[in-house]
């Protein structure tokens, strides 16, 4: 179970969308989460990687090396 507190303007938009389409607000909340969860995870991992680089705990990899590794250096 998940409970969300939304700003009033977003809640109103969600209410209106649900009313117009006959779908539940939960349906649209679920769709939004499923659509954006991968992106949110990627952002988190990128931020963690950047902080690790800044602390000197890891090294960067040149783009040319990554492209060669994955066969994209054509």
N, C-alpha and C. Protein backbone atom coordinates (compact mmCIF):
# COMPACT_ATOMS: atom_id res chain seq x y z
N UNK A 1 0.85 -1.18 0.00
CA UNK A 1 0.00 0.00 0.00
C UNK A 1 0.88 1.23 0.00
N UNK A 2 0.49 2.23 -0.71
CA UNK A 2 1.25 3.47 -0.83
C UNK A 2 0.30 4.64 -0.67
N UNK A 3 0.68 5.58 0.14
CA UNK A 3 -0.12 6.80 0.31
C UNK A 3 0.74 7.97 -0.13
N UNK A 4 0.16 8.86 -0.92
CA UNK A 4 0.89 10.02 -1.45
C UNK A 4 0.21 11.30 -1.04
N UNK A 5 1.02 12.28 -0.71
CA UNK A 5 0.51 13.63 -0.50
C UNK A 5 0.99 14.46 -1.67
N UNK A 6 0.04 15.03 -2.37
CA UNK A 6 0.35 15.83 -3.55
C UNK A 6 -0.02 17.28 -3.30
N UNK A 7 0.68 18.18 -3.97
CA UNK A 7 0.27 19.59 -3.89
C UNK A 7 -1.17 19.71 -4.41
N UNK A 8 -1.94 20.64 -3.86
CA UNK A 8 -3.35 20.77 -4.24
C UNK A 8 -3.57 20.93 -5.75
N UNK A 9 -2.71 21.66 -6.43
CA UNK A 9 -2.91 21.84 -7.87
C UNK A 9 -2.71 20.53 -8.64
N UNK A 10 -1.76 19.73 -8.21
CA UNK A 10 -1.52 18.43 -8.86
C UNK A 10 -2.67 17.48 -8.54
N UNK A 11 -3.12 17.50 -7.32
CA UNK A 11 -4.27 16.67 -6.93
C UNK A 11 -5.49 17.03 -7.78
N UNK A 12 -5.71 18.31 -8.00
CA UNK A 12 -6.85 18.76 -8.81
C UNK A 12 -6.71 18.29 -10.25
N UNK A 13 -5.51 18.37 -10.78
CA UNK A 13 -5.29 17.90 -12.16
C UNK A 13 -5.54 16.40 -12.26
N UNK A 14 -5.05 15.66 -11.27
CA UNK A 14 -5.25 14.21 -11.26
C UNK A 14 -6.73 13.86 -11.12
N UNK A 15 -7.43 14.58 -10.25
CA UNK A 15 -8.87 14.38 -10.12
C UNK A 15 -9.59 14.60 -11.44
N UNK A 16 -9.22 15.68 -12.12
CA UNK A 16 -9.87 16.01 -13.39
C UNK A 16 -9.57 14.97 -14.46
N UNK A 17 -8.32 14.53 -14.54
CA UNK A 17 -7.96 13.50 -15.52
C UNK A 17 -8.74 12.22 -15.25
N UNK A 18 -8.81 11.82 -13.99
CA UNK A 18 -9.55 10.61 -13.63
C UNK A 18 -11.02 10.76 -13.98
N UNK A 19 -11.60 11.92 -13.70
CA UNK A 19 -13.01 12.16 -14.00
C UNK A 19 -13.26 12.11 -15.50
N UNK A 20 -12.40 12.74 -16.28
CA UNK A 20 -12.59 12.80 -17.73
C UNK A 20 -12.43 11.45 -18.41
N UNK A 21 -11.58 10.62 -17.88
CA UNK A 21 -11.26 9.35 -18.54
C UNK A 21 -11.97 8.15 -17.93
N UNK A 22 -12.56 8.33 -16.75
CA UNK A 22 -13.21 7.20 -16.09
C UNK A 22 -12.24 6.22 -15.46
N UNK A 23 -11.00 6.60 -15.36
CA UNK A 23 -10.00 5.75 -14.69
C UNK A 23 -9.76 6.30 -13.29
N UNK A 24 -9.17 5.48 -12.46
CA UNK A 24 -8.92 5.91 -11.08
C UNK A 24 -7.64 6.76 -10.99
N UNK A 25 -7.58 7.54 -9.93
CA UNK A 25 -6.36 8.29 -9.66
C UNK A 25 -5.20 7.32 -9.41
N UNK A 26 -5.48 6.21 -8.78
CA UNK A 26 -4.44 5.20 -8.53
C UNK A 26 -3.85 4.67 -9.83
N UNK A 27 -4.72 4.50 -10.83
CA UNK A 27 -4.24 4.03 -12.13
C UNK A 27 -3.18 4.99 -12.66
N UNK A 28 -3.47 6.28 -12.63
CA UNK A 28 -2.53 7.27 -13.17
C UNK A 28 -1.29 7.42 -12.32
N UNK A 29 -1.42 7.30 -11.01
CA UNK A 29 -0.24 7.34 -10.14
C UNK A 29 0.67 6.15 -10.44
N UNK A 30 0.06 4.99 -10.61
CA UNK A 30 0.83 3.78 -10.94
C UNK A 30 1.52 3.93 -12.28
N UNK A 31 0.82 4.42 -13.28
CA UNK A 31 1.41 4.63 -14.61
C UNK A 31 2.59 5.60 -14.55
N UNK A 32 2.44 6.67 -13.79
CA UNK A 32 3.52 7.66 -13.68
C UNK A 32 4.75 7.03 -13.02
N UNK A 33 4.54 6.25 -11.98
CA UNK A 33 5.66 5.61 -11.30
C UNK A 33 6.34 4.61 -12.22
N UNK A 34 5.57 3.77 -12.87
CA UNK A 34 6.16 2.78 -13.77
C UNK A 34 6.92 3.43 -14.92
N UNK A 35 6.39 4.54 -15.42
CA UNK A 35 7.03 5.23 -16.54
C UNK A 35 8.35 5.88 -16.14
N UNK A 36 8.42 6.39 -14.92
CA UNK A 36 9.58 7.21 -14.54
C UNK A 36 10.53 6.55 -13.54
N UNK A 37 10.21 5.39 -13.03
CA UNK A 37 11.06 4.77 -12.03
C UNK A 37 12.46 4.46 -12.57
N UNK A 38 12.56 3.94 -13.78
CA UNK A 38 13.88 3.68 -14.37
C UNK A 38 14.72 4.95 -14.44
N UNK A 39 14.11 6.05 -14.87
CA UNK A 39 14.84 7.31 -14.95
C UNK A 39 15.30 7.78 -13.58
N UNK A 40 14.43 7.67 -12.58
CA UNK A 40 14.79 8.08 -11.23
C UNK A 40 15.94 7.24 -10.68
N UNK A 41 15.90 5.94 -10.95
CA UNK A 41 17.01 5.07 -10.52
C UNK A 41 18.30 5.46 -11.22
N UNK A 42 18.23 5.74 -12.52
CA UNK A 42 19.42 6.15 -13.28
C UNK A 42 20.00 7.45 -12.74
N UNK A 43 19.14 8.39 -12.41
CA UNK A 43 19.60 9.67 -11.85
C UNK A 43 20.29 9.43 -10.52
N UNK A 44 19.71 8.63 -9.67
CA UNK A 44 20.30 8.33 -8.37
C UNK A 44 21.68 7.69 -8.55
N UNK A 45 21.78 6.69 -9.43
CA UNK A 45 23.06 6.03 -9.66
C UNK A 45 24.09 6.99 -10.22
N UNK A 46 23.68 7.87 -11.13
CA UNK A 46 24.61 8.86 -11.70
C UNK A 46 25.11 9.81 -10.62
N UNK A 47 24.22 10.24 -9.74
CA UNK A 47 24.63 11.13 -8.65
C UNK A 47 25.60 10.43 -7.70
N UNK A 48 25.33 9.17 -7.40
CA UNK A 48 26.22 8.41 -6.54
C UNK A 48 27.60 8.24 -7.20
N UNK A 49 27.60 7.95 -8.48
CA UNK A 49 28.86 7.79 -9.23
C UNK A 49 29.64 9.09 -9.24
N UNK A 50 28.97 10.21 -9.46
CA UNK A 50 29.63 11.52 -9.46
C UNK A 50 30.25 11.82 -8.10
N UNK A 51 29.52 11.55 -7.04
CA UNK A 51 30.06 11.78 -5.69
C UNK A 51 31.27 10.88 -5.43
N UNK A 52 31.21 9.66 -5.90
CA UNK A 52 32.34 8.74 -5.75
C UNK A 52 33.56 9.27 -6.49
N UNK A 53 33.35 9.80 -7.68
CA UNK A 53 34.45 10.40 -8.44
C UNK A 53 35.02 11.61 -7.71
N UNK A 54 34.16 12.45 -7.20
CA UNK A 54 34.61 13.65 -6.48
C UNK A 54 35.39 13.31 -5.22
N UNK A 55 35.05 12.22 -4.57
CA UNK A 55 35.76 11.80 -3.36
C UNK A 55 37.04 11.05 -3.69
N UNK A 56 37.27 10.80 -4.98
CA UNK A 56 38.47 10.07 -5.39
C UNK A 56 38.38 8.58 -5.14
N UNK A 57 37.19 8.06 -5.00
CA UNK A 57 36.99 6.63 -4.73
C UNK A 57 36.89 5.79 -5.99
N UNK A 58 36.78 6.43 -7.14
CA UNK A 58 36.71 5.70 -8.40
C UNK A 58 37.28 6.58 -9.51
N UNK A 59 37.52 5.97 -10.64
CA UNK A 59 38.09 6.68 -11.78
C UNK A 59 37.06 6.80 -12.89
N UNK A 60 37.28 7.77 -13.75
CA UNK A 60 36.41 7.90 -14.92
C UNK A 60 36.92 6.98 -16.03
N UNK A 61 36.06 6.73 -16.99
CA UNK A 61 36.41 5.89 -18.14
C UNK A 61 36.21 6.74 -19.38
N UNK A 62 37.23 6.85 -20.22
CA UNK A 62 37.07 7.66 -21.44
C UNK A 62 35.94 7.12 -22.33
N UNK A 63 35.19 8.03 -22.93
CA UNK A 63 34.09 7.64 -23.81
C UNK A 63 34.57 6.73 -24.93
N UNK A 64 35.75 7.02 -25.49
CA UNK A 64 36.28 6.19 -26.58
C UNK A 64 36.45 4.74 -26.14
N UNK A 65 36.86 4.53 -24.89
CA UNK A 65 37.03 3.17 -24.38
C UNK A 65 35.68 2.47 -24.24
N UNK A 66 34.68 3.18 -23.76
CA UNK A 66 33.34 2.61 -23.62
C UNK A 66 32.77 2.26 -24.99
N UNK A 67 32.91 3.18 -25.94
CA UNK A 67 32.40 2.93 -27.28
C UNK A 67 33.07 1.72 -27.91
N UNK A 68 34.39 1.60 -27.74
CA UNK A 68 35.11 0.45 -28.28
C UNK A 68 34.65 -0.84 -27.62
N UNK A 69 34.47 -0.80 -26.29
CA UNK A 69 34.06 -1.98 -25.54
C UNK A 69 32.71 -2.51 -26.04
N UNK A 70 31.81 -1.60 -26.41
CA UNK A 70 30.47 -2.00 -26.84
C UNK A 70 30.30 -1.99 -28.35
N UNK A 71 31.41 -1.92 -29.08
CA UNK A 71 31.34 -2.00 -30.53
C UNK A 71 30.68 -0.80 -31.20
N UNK A 72 30.83 0.36 -30.60
CA UNK A 72 30.19 1.58 -31.15
C UNK A 72 31.22 2.55 -31.71
N UNK A 73 32.44 2.10 -31.93
CA UNK A 73 33.52 2.97 -32.36
C UNK A 73 33.65 3.08 -33.87
N UNK A 74 32.65 2.73 -34.61
CA UNK A 74 32.69 2.78 -36.09
C UNK A 74 32.72 4.20 -36.58
